[in-house]
C-alpha atoms as a PDB file:
ATOM      1  CA  MET A   1      -0.149  -0.046  -0.163  1.00  0.00           C
ATOM      2  CA  THR A   2       1.396   3.525  -1.261  1.00  0.00           C
ATOM      3  CA  MET A   3       0.800   6.222   1.107  1.00  0.00           C
ATOM      4  CA  THR A   4       0.442   9.741  -0.110  1.00  0.00           C
ATOM      5  CA  MET A   5       0.988  12.378   2.155  1.00  0.00           C
ATOM      6  CA  THR A   6       0.254  16.755   1.088  1.00  0.00           C
ATOM      7  CA  THR A   7       0.082  19.285   3.118  1.00  0.00           C
ATOM      8  CA  SER A   8      -0.671  22.483   1.901  1.00  0.00           C
ATOM      9  CA  THR A   9       0.462  26.123   3.711  1.00  0.00           C
ATOM     10  CA  THR A  10      -2.572  26.344   6.102  1.00  0.00           C
ATOM     11  CA  GLY A  11      -0.289  23.568   7.553  1.00  0.00           C
ATOM     12  CA  SER A  12      -2.913  20.884   7.444  1.00  0.00           C
ATOM     13  CA  THR A  13      -2.229  17.457   6.406  1.00  0.00           C
ATOM     14  CA  SER A  14      -3.871  14.710   4.601  1.00  0.00           C
ATOM     15  CA  THR A  15      -3.071  11.136   3.642  1.00  0.00           C
ATOM     16  CA  THR A  16      -4.784   9.194   0.787  1.00  0.00           C
ATOM     17  CA  GLY A  17      -4.002   5.740   0.372  1.00  0.00           C
ATOM     18  CA  SER A  18      -3.701   3.127  -2.691  1.00  0.00           C
ATOM     19  CA  ARG A  19      -2.951  -0.600  -3.357  1.00  0.00           C
ATOM     20  CA  SER A  20       0.214  -0.461  -5.293  1.00  0.00           C
ATOM     21  CA  PRO A  21       0.355  -3.386  -7.940  1.00  0.00           C
ATOM     22  CA  ALA A  22       3.116  -4.670  -5.896  1.00  0.00           C
ATOM     23  CA  THR A  23       0.311  -5.645  -3.199  1.00  0.00           C
ATOM     24  CA  ASP A  24      -2.251  -6.267  -4.807  1.00  0.00           C
ATOM     25  CA  GLY A  25      -4.029  -6.783  -1.576  1.00  0.00           C
ATOM     26  CA  HIS A  26      -2.748 -10.248  -1.275  1.00  0.00           C
ATOM     27  CA  SER A  27      -0.214  -9.753   1.001  1.00  0.00           C
ATOM     28  CA  SER A  28      -2.506 -10.086   4.621  1.00  0.00           C
ATOM     29  CA  ASN A  29       0.179  -7.164   5.847  1.00  0.00           C
ATOM     30  CA  GLY A  30      -0.572  -4.326   3.258  1.00  0.00           C
ATOM     31  CA  GLY A  31       3.000  -3.153   2.544  1.00  0.00           C
ATOM     32  CA  ALA A  32       4.542  -3.218   5.320  1.00  0.00           C
ATOM     33  CA  SER A  33       6.932  -5.720   4.351  1.00  0.00           C
ATOM     34  CA  GLN A  34       7.791  -3.970   1.269  1.00  0.00           C
ATOM     35  CA  THR A  35       8.510  -1.263   3.987  1.00  0.00           C
ATOM     36  CA  LEU A  36      11.034  -3.271   6.160  1.00  0.00           C
ATOM     37  CA  ILE A  37      12.685  -4.564   3.176  1.00  0.00           C
ATOM     38  CA  THR A  38      13.432  -0.461   2.233  1.00  0.00           C
ATOM     39  CA  ALA A  39      14.374   0.946   5.360  1.00  0.00           C
ATOM     40  CA  ALA A  40      16.528  -2.449   5.690  1.00  0.00           C
ATOM     41  CA  ALA A  41      18.451  -1.356   2.336  1.00  0.00           C
ATOM     42  CA  GLN A  42      18.839   2.059   3.893  1.00  0.00           C
ATOM     43  CA  VAL A  43      20.341   1.379   7.161  1.00  0.00           C
ATOM     44  CA  SER A  44      24.082   1.935   6.373  1.00  0.00           C
ATOM     45  CA  PRO A  45      27.003   0.314   8.473  1.00  0.00           C
ATOM     46  CA  ARG A  46      27.557   1.406  11.872  1.00  0.00           C
ATOM     47  CA  HIS A  47      29.737   0.990  14.417  1.00  0.00           C
ATOM     48  CA  ASP A  48      27.075  -0.153  17.134  1.00  0.00           C
ATOM     49  CA  LEU A  49      28.058  -3.291  19.195  1.00  0.00           C
ATOM     50  CA  SER A  50      27.596  -2.936  22.528  1.00  0.00           C
ATOM     51  CA  THR A  51      30.322  -3.584  25.007  1.00  0.00           C
ATOM     52  CA  SER A  52      28.178  -7.401  26.242  1.00  0.00           C
ATOM     53  CA  GLY A  53      28.038  -7.945  22.208  1.00  0.00           C
ATOM     54  CA  ALA A  54      31.412  -7.769  21.514  1.00  0.00           C
ATOM     55  CA  LEU A  55      32.675  -9.945  24.368  1.00  0.00           C
ATOM     56  CA  ILE A  56      30.205 -12.615  23.560  1.00  0.00           C
ATOM     57  CA  VAL A  57      31.675 -12.537  20.274  1.00  0.00           C
ATOM     58  CA  ALA A  58      34.893 -12.636  20.629  1.00  0.00           C
ATOM     59  CA  GLY A  59      34.254 -15.463  23.361  1.00  0.00           C
ATOM     60  CA  ILE A  60      33.447 -17.460  20.475  1.00  0.00           C
ATOM     61  CA  VAL A  61      35.815 -16.456  17.902  1.00  0.00           C
ATOM     62  CA  LEU A  62      38.694 -17.582  20.862  1.00  0.00           C
ATOM     63  CA  GLY A  63      36.196 -20.831  21.535  1.00  0.00           C
ATOM     64  CA  LEU A  64      36.471 -21.647  18.167  1.00  0.00           C
ATOM     65  CA  GLY A  65      40.477 -21.070  17.447  1.00  0.00           C
ATOM     66  CA  SER A  66      40.958 -22.902  21.076  1.00  0.00           C
ATOM     67  CA  LEU A  67      38.681 -26.079  20.556  1.00  0.00           C
ATOM     68  CA  VAL A  68      40.984 -26.198  16.946  1.00  0.00           C
ATOM     69  CA  ASP A  69      44.353 -25.836  19.295  1.00  0.00           C
ATOM     70  CA  ILE A  70      42.786 -28.768  21.590  1.00  0.00           C
ATOM     71  CA  LEU A  71      41.609 -30.946  18.710  1.00  0.00           C
ATOM     72  CA  VAL A  72      45.614 -30.124  17.176  1.00  0.00           C
ATOM     73  CA  GLY A  73      46.815 -30.957  20.852  1.00  0.00           C
ATOM     74  CA  ARG A  74      49.611 -29.126  20.988  1.00  0.00           C
ATOM     75  CA  GLY A  75      48.019 -26.135  23.831  1.00  0.00           C
ATOM     76  CA  PRO A  76      47.803 -22.679  22.284  1.00  0.00           C
ATOM     77  CA  GLY A  77      49.101 -22.448  18.697  1.00  0.00           C
ATOM     78  CA  PHE A  78      47.987 -21.265  15.360  1.00  0.00           C
ATOM     79  CA  GLY A  79      44.271 -21.632  16.008  1.00  0.00           C
ATOM     80  CA  LEU A  80      44.340 -18.858  19.009  1.00  0.00           C
ATOM     81  CA  THR A  81      46.649 -16.737  17.392  1.00  0.00           C
ATOM     82  CA  ALA A  82      44.741 -16.625  14.420  1.00  0.00           C
ATOM     83  CA  ALA A  83      41.056 -16.282  16.103  1.00  0.00           C
ATOM     84  CA  PHE A  84      42.660 -13.530  18.866  1.00  0.00           C
ATOM     85  CA  LEU A  85      44.364 -11.305  16.014  1.00  0.00           C
ATOM     86  CA  LEU A  86      40.620 -11.359  14.420  1.00  0.00           C
ATOM     87  CA  ALA A  87      38.824 -10.677  17.723  1.00  0.00           C
ATOM     88  CA  CYS A  88      40.570  -7.977  18.828  1.00  0.00           C
ATOM     89  CA  LEU A  89      40.513  -5.703  15.430  1.00  0.00           C
ATOM     90  CA  SER A  90      37.040  -6.865  15.388  1.00  0.00           C
ATOM     91  CA  MET A  91      36.255  -6.190  18.918  1.00  0.00           C
ATOM     92  CA  ALA A  92      37.801  -2.357  18.339  1.00  0.00           C
ATOM     93  CA  GLY A  93      36.260  -2.220  14.776  1.00  0.00           C
ATOM     94  CA  TRP A  94      32.499  -2.539  15.990  1.00  0.00           C
ATOM     95  CA  LEU A  95      32.389  -1.495  19.085  1.00  0.00           C
ATOM     96  CA  ARG A  96      30.691   1.509  19.953  1.00  0.00           C
ATOM     97  CA  ILE A  97      32.666   4.755  20.325  1.00  0.00           C
ATOM     98  CA  ASP A  98      32.073   4.979  24.129  1.00  0.00           C
ATOM     99  CA  ALA A  99      33.107   1.820  24.689  1.00  0.00           C
ATOM    100  CA  LEU A 100      36.189   2.191  23.513  1.00  0.00           C
ATOM    101  CA  ALA A 101      38.034   1.501  26.661  1.00  0.00           C
ATOM    102  CA  VAL A 102      36.885  -2.585  26.159  1.00  0.00           C
ATOM    103  CA  ALA A 103      38.649  -2.935  22.992  1.00  0.00           C
ATOM    104  CA  ALA A 104      41.176  -1.313  24.270  1.00  0.00           C
ATOM    105  CA  LEU A 105      41.723  -3.528  27.503  1.00  0.00           C
ATOM    106  CA  SER A 106      40.344  -6.672  26.510  1.00  0.00           C
ATOM    107  CA  PRO A 107      42.573  -7.928  24.863  1.00  0.00           C
ATOM    108  CA  PRO A 108      44.998  -9.456  27.388  1.00  0.00           C
ATOM    109  CA  LEU A 109      42.188 -10.661  29.369  1.00  0.00           C
ATOM    110  CA  LEU A 110      40.704 -12.588  26.598  1.00  0.00           C
ATOM    111  CA  PHE A 111      43.653 -14.204  25.662  1.00  0.00           C
ATOM    112  CA  ALA A 112      44.643 -15.354  29.577  1.00  0.00           C
ATOM    113  CA  ALA A 113      41.206 -17.244  29.763  1.00  0.00           C
ATOM    114  CA  ALA A 114      41.110 -18.454  26.332  1.00  0.00           C
ATOM    115  CA  ALA A 115      45.023 -19.862  26.818  1.00  0.00           C
ATOM    116  CA  THR A 116      43.813 -21.332  30.898  1.00  0.00           C
ATOM    117  CA  ALA A 117      40.793 -22.868  28.632  1.00  0.00           C
ATOM    118  CA  ILE A 118      43.452 -24.674  26.915  1.00  0.00           C
ATOM    119  CA  THR A 119      45.176 -26.065  28.684  1.00  0.00           C
ATOM    120  CA  MET A 120      42.087 -27.021  31.392  1.00  0.00           C
ATOM    121  CA  ALA A 121      41.101 -28.845  28.619  1.00  0.00           C
ATOM    122  CA  SER A 122      44.088 -31.155  27.549  1.00  0.00           C
ATOM    123  CA  GLY A 123      44.117 -32.213  31.071  1.00  0.00           C
ATOM    124  CA  ARG A 124      47.666 -32.668  31.372  1.00  0.00           C
ATOM    125  CA  SER A 125      48.082 -29.974  34.046  1.00  0.00           C
ATOM    126  CA  GLN A 126      46.817 -31.650  37.227  1.00  0.00           C
ATOM    127  CA  GLY A 127      45.349 -29.061  40.170  1.00  0.00           C
ATOM    128  CA  GLY A 128      45.241 -25.695  39.618  1.00  0.00           C
ATOM    129  CA  ARG A 129      49.087 -25.386  40.876  1.00  0.00           C
ATOM    130  CA  GLN A 130      50.054 -26.252  37.587  1.00  0.00           C
ATOM    131  CA  VAL A 131      47.331 -24.995  35.450  1.00  0.00           C
ATOM    132  CA  GLY A 132      48.795 -21.722  36.817  1.00  0.00           C
ATOM    133  CA  LEU A 133      52.502 -22.613  35.265  1.00  0.00           C
ATOM    134  CA  ASP A 134      50.849 -24.269  32.193  1.00  0.00           C
ATOM    135  CA  VAL A 135      49.061 -20.526  31.585  1.00  0.00           C
ATOM    136  CA  ALA A 136      51.783 -18.467  32.699  1.00  0.00           C
ATOM    137  CA  THR A 137      54.512 -20.519  30.109  1.00  0.00           C
ATOM    138  CA  SER A 138      51.689 -19.936  27.069  1.00  0.00           C
ATOM    139  CA  LEU A 139      51.310 -16.437  28.105  1.00  0.00           C
ATOM    140  CA  ALA A 140      54.927 -16.050  27.914  1.00  0.00           C
ATOM    141  CA  LEU A 141      55.719 -18.458  24.801  1.00  0.00           C
ATOM    142  CA  SER A 142      52.904 -16.457  23.075  1.00  0.00           C
ATOM    143  CA  ALA A 143      53.571 -12.692  23.935  1.00  0.00           C
ATOM    144  CA  PRO A 144      54.308 -11.696  20.348  1.00  0.00           C
ATOM    145  CA  ALA A 145      50.629 -12.892  19.450  1.00  0.00           C
ATOM    146  CA  LEU A 146      49.603 -11.075  22.812  1.00  0.00           C
ATOM    147  CA  TYR A 147      51.623  -8.074  21.988  1.00  0.00           C
ATOM    148  CA  ALA A 148      50.181  -8.108  18.114  1.00  0.00           C
ATOM    149  CA  GLY A 149      46.716  -7.999  19.234  1.00  0.00           C
ATOM    150  CA  THR A 150      46.342  -5.516  21.911  1.00  0.00           C
ATOM    151  CA  LEU A 151      48.711  -3.112  19.739  1.00  0.00           C
ATOM    152  CA  GLY A 152      46.633  -3.977  16.659  1.00  0.00           C
ATOM    153  CA  ALA A 153      43.205  -2.617  18.820  1.00  0.00           C
ATOM    154  CA  LEU A 154      45.031  -0.286  19.964  1.00  0.00           C
ATOM    155  CA  VAL A 155      45.559   1.386  17.051  1.00  0.00           C
ATOM    156  CA  VAL A 156      42.243   0.371  15.692  1.00  0.00           C
ATOM    157  CA  VAL A 157      41.101   2.684  19.215  1.00  0.00           C
ATOM    158  CA  LEU A 158      43.235   5.574  18.081  1.00  0.00           C
ATOM    159  CA  VAL A 159      41.626   5.627  15.094  1.00  0.00           C
ATOM    160  CA  ARG A 160      38.422   5.557  15.784  1.00  0.00           C
ATOM    161  CA  VAL A 161      38.649   8.351  18.468  1.00  0.00           C
ATOM    162  CA  VAL A 162      40.810  10.660  16.553  1.00  0.00           C
ATOM    163  CA  ARG A 163      38.550  10.795  13.459  1.00  0.00           C
ATOM    164  CA  ASP A 164      35.221  10.619  15.827  1.00  0.00           C
ATOM    165  CA  ARG A 165      36.763  13.764  17.527  1.00  0.00           C
ATOM    166  CA  LEU A 166      37.542  15.552  14.060  1.00  0.00           C
ATOM    167  CA  ARG A 167      34.036  14.881  12.942  1.00  0.00           C
ATOM    168  CA  ARG A 168      32.417  16.465  15.901  1.00  0.00           C
ATOM    169  CA  PRO A 169      30.912  19.471  15.256  1.00  0.00           C
ATOM    170  CA  GLY A 170      32.587  22.333  17.352  1.00  0.00           C
ATOM    171  CA  THR A 171      35.772  19.906  17.729  1.00  0.00           C
ATOM    172  CA  ARG A 172      39.018  21.851  16.169  1.00  0.00           C
ATOM    173  CA  SER A 173      39.336  20.476  12.757  1.00  0.00           C
ATOM    174  CA  ALA A 174      43.177  19.159  11.210  1.00  0.00           C
ATOM    175  CA  ARG A 175      44.282  23.187  10.599  1.00  0.00           C
ATOM    176  CA  GLY A 176      43.265  23.935  14.120  1.00  0.00           C
ATOM    177  CA  ARG A 177      39.990  26.488  13.415  1.00  0.00           C
ATOM    178  CA  LEU A 178      36.802  25.244  15.233  1.00  0.00           C
ATOM    179  CA  SER A 179      34.446  23.328  12.142  1.00  0.00           C
END
């Protein structure tokens, strides 16, 4: 159903409706589905993933990478490293601008949690002290990946913050003038 609104110079509004050939009266919801499709097509991609949503997505990605490493059986390796880098960069890229501190602070914690899960699932460590030592060793041996993921997330966060500050009205532009 197509709605046409006309406004006169006096401010009154009139609405007229007519059936479009696309709906032809056979659809139970009229033009609602056509309106939803049009609205979905006009949605622009935005960075608005919530903190909990980003942590859940990162946990799922790291869980899949950890599962690969558990199946291979060598401890934290390529699966966790690839999943960690993907999770860090995607979290920093899709979080809301006001929640970017989470993207900057959570990568080491996520990596430690995934390394602990791999160590505990491997079944090679008995007792809390040995698990702790194995996790610490895994973190030390995986330090380049840990640093790369954290640094990559920090770079993405800084780029997004600077770009947001430059776009905001009333802030100084690159030339130093108020925009």
